[in-house]
Amino acid sequence: MYPAELTIPMAKDLNDFGFESLTTAEEVSEILNQQEGTVLVVVNSVCGCAAANARPGAKLAVQHDKTPERLVTVFAGVDQAATARAREFMLPYPPSSPSIALFKDGRLVHFLERHHIEGRSKEIIAENLKMAFDRYC
């Protein structure tokens, strides 16, 4: 577990853009078990690629004209039960943080693992997500 004073600003970075922080496994299940609609899930992290690539890319993407109906985030290393439950929904992909998942009608339809995020610019990540939004949202 990371100290709250370290992670609160990192969580707030997404919260300020409309992402709802999910902190329990039950909250994750309630949202991702829904069989209608679209949900974008960002698995947040304290690592540098979350700060430089994942969060900025997700924030840029949700400024697109087509966006998911729900924007949520779990924080790896902080909200362990919520993150573990989210990762169950992201199978067969292995645990990855940061990562970004798009769900439509209860199914995982698009996923960016850490190796898709690390070393990529926020613009490349945003364009990838916007293509997925155009297709599924």
N, C-alpha and C. Protein backbone atom coordinates (compact mmCIF):
# COMPACT_ATOMS: atom_id res chain seq x y z
N MET A 1 0.84 -1.18 0.00
CA MET A 1 0.00 0.00 0.00
C MET A 1 0.88 1.25 0.00
N TYR A 2 0.51 2.17 -0.82
CA TYR A 2 1.23 3.44 -0.88
C TYR A 2 0.59 4.44 0.07
N PRO A 3 1.35 5.39 0.59
CA PRO A 3 0.76 6.40 1.48
C PRO A 3 -0.21 7.30 0.72
N ALA A 4 -1.31 7.63 1.39
CA ALA A 4 -2.37 8.43 0.77
C ALA A 4 -1.85 9.77 0.26
N GLU A 5 -0.94 10.38 1.01
CA GLU A 5 -0.45 11.70 0.58
C GLU A 5 0.30 11.63 -0.75
N LEU A 6 0.79 10.45 -1.10
CA LEU A 6 1.45 10.25 -2.39
C LEU A 6 0.43 10.03 -3.51
N THR A 7 -0.61 9.26 -3.22
CA THR A 7 -1.51 8.81 -4.29
C THR A 7 -2.73 9.71 -4.51
N ILE A 8 -3.13 10.47 -3.52
CA ILE A 8 -4.32 11.32 -3.67
C ILE A 8 -4.19 12.25 -4.87
N PRO A 9 -3.07 12.94 -5.08
CA PRO A 9 -2.98 13.81 -6.26
C PRO A 9 -3.04 13.02 -7.58
N MET A 10 -2.53 11.79 -7.58
CA MET A 10 -2.57 10.96 -8.79
C MET A 10 -3.99 10.50 -9.10
N ALA A 11 -4.75 10.19 -8.07
CA ALA A 11 -6.15 9.83 -8.27
C ALA A 11 -6.96 11.05 -8.70
N LYS A 12 -6.69 12.18 -8.05
CA LYS A 12 -7.41 13.42 -8.36
C LYS A 12 -7.18 13.84 -9.81
N ASP A 13 -6.02 13.53 -10.35
CA ASP A 13 -5.71 13.85 -11.74
C ASP A 13 -6.79 13.30 -12.68
N LEU A 14 -7.26 12.08 -12.42
CA LEU A 14 -8.34 11.50 -13.23
C LEU A 14 -9.71 11.94 -12.74
N ASN A 15 -9.89 12.05 -11.43
CA ASN A 15 -11.18 12.48 -10.89
C ASN A 15 -11.59 13.84 -11.44
N ASP A 16 -10.63 14.73 -11.60
CA ASP A 16 -10.92 16.07 -12.12
C ASP A 16 -11.40 16.05 -13.57
N PHE A 17 -11.20 14.93 -14.26
CA PHE A 17 -11.66 14.78 -15.64
C PHE A 17 -12.90 13.90 -15.74
N GLY A 18 -13.55 13.65 -14.60
CA GLY A 18 -14.80 12.92 -14.61
C GLY A 18 -14.69 11.43 -14.34
N PHE A 19 -13.50 10.93 -14.02
CA PHE A 19 -13.35 9.53 -13.68
C PHE A 19 -13.75 9.31 -12.22
N GLU A 20 -14.59 8.32 -12.00
CA GLU A 20 -15.03 7.97 -10.66
C GLU A 20 -14.07 6.93 -10.09
N SER A 21 -13.54 7.17 -8.90
CA SER A 21 -12.67 6.20 -8.24
C SER A 21 -13.50 5.10 -7.61
N LEU A 22 -13.19 3.87 -7.97
CA LEU A 22 -13.83 2.71 -7.37
C LEU A 22 -12.86 2.13 -6.36
N THR A 23 -13.31 1.97 -5.13
CA THR A 23 -12.40 1.57 -4.07
C THR A 23 -12.73 0.20 -3.47
N THR A 24 -13.84 -0.39 -3.89
CA THR A 24 -14.20 -1.72 -3.37
C THR A 24 -14.50 -2.67 -4.52
N ALA A 25 -14.36 -3.94 -4.24
CA ALA A 25 -14.68 -4.97 -5.24
C ALA A 25 -16.16 -4.91 -5.61
N GLU A 26 -17.00 -4.58 -4.65
CA GLU A 26 -18.45 -4.51 -4.91
C GLU A 26 -18.78 -3.39 -5.89
N GLU A 27 -18.13 -2.24 -5.74
CA GLU A 27 -18.37 -1.14 -6.68
C GLU A 27 -17.97 -1.54 -8.10
N VAL A 28 -16.84 -2.21 -8.22
CA VAL A 28 -16.36 -2.66 -9.53
C VAL A 28 -17.36 -3.64 -10.14
N SER A 29 -17.79 -4.62 -9.35
CA SER A 29 -18.74 -5.61 -9.85
C SER A 29 -20.05 -4.97 -10.28
N GLU A 30 -20.54 -4.04 -9.49
CA GLU A 30 -21.81 -3.37 -9.81
C GLU A 30 -21.74 -2.69 -11.19
N ILE A 31 -20.63 -2.03 -11.47
CA ILE A 31 -20.51 -1.30 -12.73
C ILE A 31 -20.17 -2.23 -13.89
N LEU A 32 -19.22 -3.14 -13.71
CA LEU A 32 -18.78 -3.96 -14.83
C LEU A 32 -19.70 -5.15 -15.11
N ASN A 33 -20.61 -5.46 -14.22
CA ASN A 33 -21.60 -6.51 -14.50
C ASN A 33 -22.80 -5.99 -15.29
N GLN A 34 -22.87 -4.69 -15.49
CA GLN A 34 -23.99 -4.12 -16.26
C GLN A 34 -23.92 -4.62 -17.70
N GLN A 35 -25.04 -5.04 -18.21
CA GLN A 35 -25.10 -5.64 -19.54
C GLN A 35 -25.42 -4.63 -20.64
N GLU A 36 -25.55 -3.37 -20.30
CA GLU A 36 -25.79 -2.33 -21.29
C GLU A 36 -24.88 -1.14 -21.02
N GLY A 37 -24.41 -0.54 -22.10
CA GLY A 37 -23.61 0.67 -21.98
C GLY A 37 -22.12 0.44 -22.11
N THR A 38 -21.38 1.54 -22.07
CA THR A 38 -19.93 1.51 -22.23
C THR A 38 -19.26 2.09 -20.99
N VAL A 39 -18.14 1.47 -20.62
CA VAL A 39 -17.39 1.89 -19.43
C VAL A 39 -15.90 1.86 -19.78
N LEU A 40 -15.21 2.95 -19.49
CA LEU A 40 -13.76 3.00 -19.61
C LEU A 40 -13.17 2.87 -18.21
N VAL A 41 -12.24 1.91 -18.05
CA VAL A 41 -11.60 1.67 -16.76
C VAL A 41 -10.11 1.94 -16.90
N VAL A 42 -9.59 2.86 -16.10
CA VAL A 42 -8.15 3.10 -16.04
C VAL A 42 -7.63 2.47 -14.76
N VAL A 43 -6.68 1.55 -14.91
CA VAL A 43 -5.97 1.01 -13.75
C VAL A 43 -4.80 1.97 -13.52
N ASN A 44 -4.96 2.81 -12.52
CA ASN A 44 -3.99 3.85 -12.21
C ASN A 44 -2.80 3.25 -11.46
N SER A 45 -1.70 3.96 -11.48
CA SER A 45 -0.47 3.46 -10.87
C SER A 45 0.42 4.64 -10.49
N VAL A 46 1.38 4.37 -9.59
CA VAL A 46 2.32 5.42 -9.20
C VAL A 46 3.51 5.50 -10.16
N CYS A 47 3.61 4.61 -11.10
CA CYS A 47 4.78 4.57 -11.97
C CYS A 47 4.82 5.77 -12.93
N GLY A 48 5.97 6.00 -13.46
CA GLY A 48 6.17 7.13 -14.37
C GLY A 48 5.36 7.06 -15.63
N CYS A 49 5.13 5.85 -16.17
CA CYS A 49 4.36 5.77 -17.41
C CYS A 49 2.88 6.04 -17.17
N ALA A 50 2.40 5.89 -15.94
CA ALA A 50 1.03 6.30 -15.63
C ALA A 50 0.95 7.82 -15.64
N ALA A 51 1.95 8.46 -15.05
CA ALA A 51 1.96 9.93 -14.97
C ALA A 51 2.19 10.59 -16.32
N ALA A 52 3.11 10.03 -17.10
CA ALA A 52 3.50 10.67 -18.36
C ALA A 52 2.66 10.23 -19.55
N ASN A 53 2.06 9.04 -19.48
CA ASN A 53 1.41 8.49 -20.66
C ASN A 53 -0.04 8.10 -20.44
N ALA A 54 -0.31 7.23 -19.47
CA ALA A 54 -1.65 6.66 -19.30
C ALA A 54 -2.69 7.71 -18.89
N ARG A 55 -2.44 8.41 -17.79
CA ARG A 55 -3.43 9.41 -17.34
C ARG A 55 -3.58 10.53 -18.36
N PRO A 56 -2.50 11.12 -18.87
CA PRO A 56 -2.68 12.17 -19.88
C PRO A 56 -3.37 11.66 -21.15
N GLY A 57 -3.06 10.45 -21.57
CA GLY A 57 -3.69 9.89 -22.76
C GLY A 57 -5.17 9.66 -22.56
N ALA A 58 -5.54 9.13 -21.40
CA ALA A 58 -6.96 8.90 -21.10
C ALA A 58 -7.71 10.23 -21.02
N LYS A 59 -7.11 11.23 -20.38
CA LYS A 59 -7.76 12.54 -20.27
C LYS A 59 -7.94 13.18 -21.63
N LEU A 60 -6.96 13.05 -22.48
CA LEU A 60 -7.06 13.60 -23.84
C LEU A 60 -8.14 12.87 -24.63
N ALA A 61 -8.21 11.57 -24.49
CA ALA A 61 -9.18 10.76 -25.23
C ALA A 61 -10.61 11.10 -24.86
N VAL A 62 -10.88 11.36 -23.58
CA VAL A 62 -12.27 11.61 -23.18
C VAL A 62 -12.75 13.00 -23.55
N GLN A 63 -11.92 13.78 -24.22
CA GLN A 63 -12.34 15.06 -24.77
C GLN A 63 -12.87 14.89 -26.20
N HIS A 64 -12.86 13.67 -26.70
CA HIS A 64 -13.34 13.31 -28.04
C HIS A 64 -14.86 13.48 -28.09
N ASP A 65 -15.41 13.59 -29.30
CA ASP A 65 -16.87 13.75 -29.42
C ASP A 65 -17.63 12.49 -29.05
N LYS A 66 -17.04 11.33 -29.21
CA LYS A 66 -17.65 10.07 -28.77
C LYS A 66 -16.86 9.56 -27.58
N THR A 67 -17.57 9.29 -26.48
CA THR A 67 -16.90 8.80 -25.28
C THR A 67 -17.76 7.74 -24.60
N PRO A 68 -17.14 6.94 -23.76
CA PRO A 68 -17.92 5.96 -22.99
C PRO A 68 -18.90 6.66 -22.04
N GLU A 69 -19.95 5.93 -21.70
CA GLU A 69 -20.97 6.49 -20.80
C GLU A 69 -20.44 6.64 -19.38
N ARG A 70 -19.57 5.74 -18.95
CA ARG A 70 -19.01 5.79 -17.60
C ARG A 70 -17.49 5.82 -17.69
N LEU A 71 -16.88 6.62 -16.85
CA LEU A 71 -15.43 6.70 -16.73
C LEU A 71 -15.09 6.35 -15.29
N VAL A 72 -14.33 5.27 -15.11
CA VAL A 72 -13.98 4.84 -13.75
C VAL A 72 -12.50 4.52 -13.67
N THR A 73 -12.01 4.46 -12.45
CA THR A 73 -10.61 4.14 -12.22
C THR A 73 -10.45 3.35 -10.93
N VAL A 74 -9.50 2.45 -10.94
CA VAL A 74 -9.05 1.75 -9.73
C VAL A 74 -7.57 2.04 -9.61
N PHE A 75 -7.06 1.99 -8.39
CA PHE A 75 -5.67 2.36 -8.17
C PHE A 75 -4.89 1.14 -7.68
N ALA A 76 -4.02 0.62 -8.55
CA ALA A 76 -3.19 -0.53 -8.20
C ALA A 76 -2.27 -0.16 -7.04
N GLY A 77 -2.15 -1.05 -6.07
CA GLY A 77 -1.30 -0.79 -4.92
C GLY A 77 -1.96 0.06 -3.85
N VAL A 78 -3.19 0.48 -4.10
CA VAL A 78 -3.93 1.29 -3.13
C VAL A 78 -5.25 0.58 -2.81
N ASP A 79 -6.10 0.48 -3.82
CA ASP A 79 -7.40 -0.17 -3.65
C ASP A 79 -7.27 -1.60 -4.17
N GLN A 80 -6.66 -2.45 -3.36
CA GLN A 80 -6.27 -3.78 -3.82
C GLN A 80 -7.46 -4.65 -4.21
N ALA A 81 -8.52 -4.66 -3.41
CA ALA A 81 -9.67 -5.50 -3.72
C ALA A 81 -10.37 -5.02 -4.99
N ALA A 82 -10.51 -3.71 -5.15
CA ALA A 82 -11.14 -3.16 -6.35
C ALA A 82 -10.30 -3.48 -7.58
N THR A 83 -9.00 -3.33 -7.47
CA THR A 83 -8.11 -3.62 -8.59
C THR A 83 -8.15 -5.10 -8.95
N ALA A 84 -8.13 -5.95 -7.95
CA ALA A 84 -8.19 -7.40 -8.21
C ALA A 84 -9.48 -7.77 -8.92
N ARG A 85 -10.60 -7.19 -8.50
CA ARG A 85 -11.88 -7.50 -9.14
C ARG A 85 -11.89 -6.97 -10.58
N ALA A 86 -11.40 -5.77 -10.79
CA ALA A 86 -11.35 -5.22 -12.16
C ALA A 86 -10.51 -6.13 -13.05
N ARG A 87 -9.41 -6.62 -12.53
CA ARG A 87 -8.54 -7.49 -13.33
C ARG A 87 -9.21 -8.81 -13.67
N GLU A 88 -10.13 -9.27 -12.83
CA GLU A 88 -10.90 -10.48 -13.17
C GLU A 88 -11.73 -10.23 -14.43
N PHE A 89 -12.29 -9.05 -14.55
CA PHE A 89 -13.08 -8.70 -15.73
C PHE A 89 -12.20 -8.52 -16.97
N MET A 90 -10.90 -8.28 -16.76
CA MET A 90 -9.98 -8.03 -17.86
C MET A 90 -9.28 -9.29 -18.37
N LEU A 91 -9.62 -10.43 -17.79
CA LEU A 91 -9.05 -11.69 -18.27
C LEU A 91 -9.46 -11.91 -19.72
N PRO A 92 -8.63 -12.47 -20.56
CA PRO A 92 -7.46 -13.29 -20.25
C PRO A 92 -6.16 -12.49 -20.15
N TYR A 93 -6.23 -11.18 -20.14
CA TYR A 93 -5.01 -10.38 -20.04
C TYR A 93 -4.43 -10.50 -18.64
N PRO A 94 -3.11 -10.60 -18.53
CA PRO A 94 -2.50 -10.67 -17.20
C PRO A 94 -2.56 -9.30 -16.52
N PRO A 95 -2.41 -9.28 -15.19
CA PRO A 95 -2.41 -8.00 -14.47
C PRO A 95 -1.38 -7.05 -15.07
N SER A 96 -1.81 -5.82 -15.24
CA SER A 96 -0.95 -4.81 -15.86
C SER A 96 -1.32 -3.46 -15.29
N SER A 97 -0.33 -2.73 -14.81
CA SER A 97 -0.61 -1.38 -14.36
C SER A 97 0.55 -0.48 -14.78
N PRO A 98 0.19 0.62 -15.39
CA PRO A 98 -1.18 1.02 -15.70
C PRO A 98 -1.73 0.21 -16.86
N SER A 99 -3.06 0.28 -17.00
CA SER A 99 -3.73 -0.29 -18.15
C SER A 99 -5.05 0.45 -18.33
N ILE A 100 -5.63 0.28 -19.52
CA ILE A 100 -6.89 0.96 -19.82
C ILE A 100 -7.77 -0.02 -20.57
N ALA A 101 -9.00 -0.19 -20.07
CA ALA A 101 -9.93 -1.16 -20.65
C ALA A 101 -11.24 -0.48 -21.02
N LEU A 102 -11.79 -0.89 -22.16
CA LEU A 102 -13.10 -0.42 -22.58
C LEU A 102 -14.05 -1.61 -22.60
N PHE A 103 -15.18 -1.44 -21.91
CA PHE A 103 -16.21 -2.47 -21.86
C PHE A 103 -17.46 -1.96 -22.57
N LYS A 104 -18.10 -2.86 -23.30
CA LYS A 104 -19.38 -2.54 -23.93
C LYS A 104 -20.34 -3.68 -23.63
N ASP A 105 -21.48 -3.32 -23.08
CA ASP A 105 -22.53 -4.30 -22.77
C ASP A 105 -21.99 -5.48 -21.97
N GLY A 106 -21.14 -5.17 -21.00
CA GLY A 106 -20.60 -6.18 -20.11
C GLY A 106 -19.44 -6.99 -20.65
N ARG A 107 -18.94 -6.64 -21.83
CA ARG A 107 -17.82 -7.38 -22.44
C ARG A 107 -16.62 -6.47 -22.62
N LEU A 108 -15.44 -7.03 -22.40
CA LEU A 108 -14.20 -6.30 -22.67
C LEU A 108 -14.01 -6.26 -24.18
N VAL A 109 -13.93 -5.04 -24.74
CA VAL A 109 -13.82 -4.91 -26.19
C VAL A 109 -12.51 -4.27 -26.65
N HIS A 110 -11.78 -3.63 -25.73
CA HIS A 110 -10.53 -2.98 -26.10
C HIS A 110 -9.67 -2.88 -24.85
N PHE A 111 -8.36 -3.16 -25.01
CA PHE A 111 -7.50 -3.16 -23.83
C PHE A 111 -6.10 -2.70 -24.19
N LEU A 112 -5.59 -1.78 -23.40
CA LEU A 112 -4.21 -1.33 -23.52
C LEU A 112 -3.44 -1.80 -22.29
N GLU A 113 -2.48 -2.69 -22.51
CA GLU A 113 -1.63 -3.15 -21.43
C GLU A 113 -0.48 -2.16 -21.23
N ARG A 114 0.25 -2.36 -20.15
CA ARG A 114 1.39 -1.48 -19.86
C ARG A 114 2.34 -1.38 -21.05
N HIS A 115 2.61 -2.50 -21.72
CA HIS A 115 3.56 -2.43 -22.83
C HIS A 115 3.01 -1.65 -24.03
N HIS A 116 1.70 -1.40 -24.07
CA HIS A 116 1.11 -0.52 -25.09
C HIS A 116 1.20 0.95 -24.68
N ILE A 117 1.42 1.19 -23.39
CA ILE A 117 1.42 2.53 -22.82
C ILE A 117 2.84 3.06 -22.64
N GLU A 118 3.69 2.23 -22.07
CA GLU A 118 5.06 2.63 -21.75
C GLU A 118 5.81 3.02 -23.03
N GLY A 119 6.39 4.21 -23.02
CA GLY A 119 7.17 4.66 -24.17
C GLY A 119 6.34 5.27 -25.29
N ARG A 120 5.02 5.30 -25.13
CA ARG A 120 4.14 5.92 -26.13
C ARG A 120 3.73 7.30 -25.64
N SER A 121 3.51 8.21 -26.53
CA SER A 121 3.08 9.55 -26.14
C SER A 121 1.61 9.54 -25.75
N LYS A 122 1.20 10.54 -25.00
CA LYS A 122 -0.21 10.67 -24.63
C LYS A 122 -1.08 10.79 -25.88
N GLU A 123 -0.55 11.41 -26.92
CA GLU A 123 -1.32 11.57 -28.16
C GLU A 123 -1.57 10.22 -28.84
N ILE A 124 -0.56 9.36 -28.86
CA ILE A 124 -0.73 8.03 -29.46
C ILE A 124 -1.74 7.22 -28.66
N ILE A 125 -1.66 7.27 -27.35
CA ILE A 125 -2.61 6.55 -26.49
C ILE A 125 -4.01 7.10 -26.71
N ALA A 126 -4.14 8.41 -26.76
CA ALA A 126 -5.46 9.03 -26.97
C ALA A 126 -6.04 8.64 -28.33
N GLU A 127 -5.23 8.64 -29.36
CA GLU A 127 -5.73 8.26 -30.69
C GLU A 127 -6.19 6.81 -30.71
N ASN A 128 -5.44 5.94 -30.05
CA ASN A 128 -5.83 4.54 -29.95
C ASN A 128 -7.20 4.43 -29.27
N LEU A 129 -7.37 5.12 -28.16
CA LEU A 129 -8.64 5.08 -27.44
C LEU A 129 -9.77 5.71 -28.24
N LYS A 130 -9.50 6.81 -28.92
CA LYS A 130 -10.55 7.46 -29.70
C LYS A 130 -11.04 6.56 -30.84
N MET A 131 -10.13 5.78 -31.44
CA MET A 131 -10.57 4.82 -32.47
C MET A 131 -11.50 3.78 -31.85
N ALA A 132 -11.17 3.34 -30.64
CA ALA A 132 -12.04 2.38 -29.95
C ALA A 132 -13.39 3.03 -29.59
N PHE A 133 -13.36 4.29 -29.15
CA PHE A 133 -14.60 4.99 -28.84
C PHE A 133 -15.49 5.10 -30.08
N ASP A 134 -14.87 5.45 -31.21
CA ASP A 134 -15.63 5.57 -32.45
C ASP A 134 -16.28 4.25 -32.83
N ARG A 135 -15.62 3.16 -32.55
CA ARG A 135 -16.14 1.85 -32.92
C ARG A 135 -17.20 1.34 -31.95
N TYR A 136 -17.01 1.58 -30.66
CA TYR A 136 -17.87 0.95 -29.66
C TYR A 136 -18.81 1.87 -28.90
N CYS A 137 -18.60 3.18 -28.96
CA CYS A 137 -19.44 4.09 -28.16
C CYS A 137 -20.51 4.77 -29.02
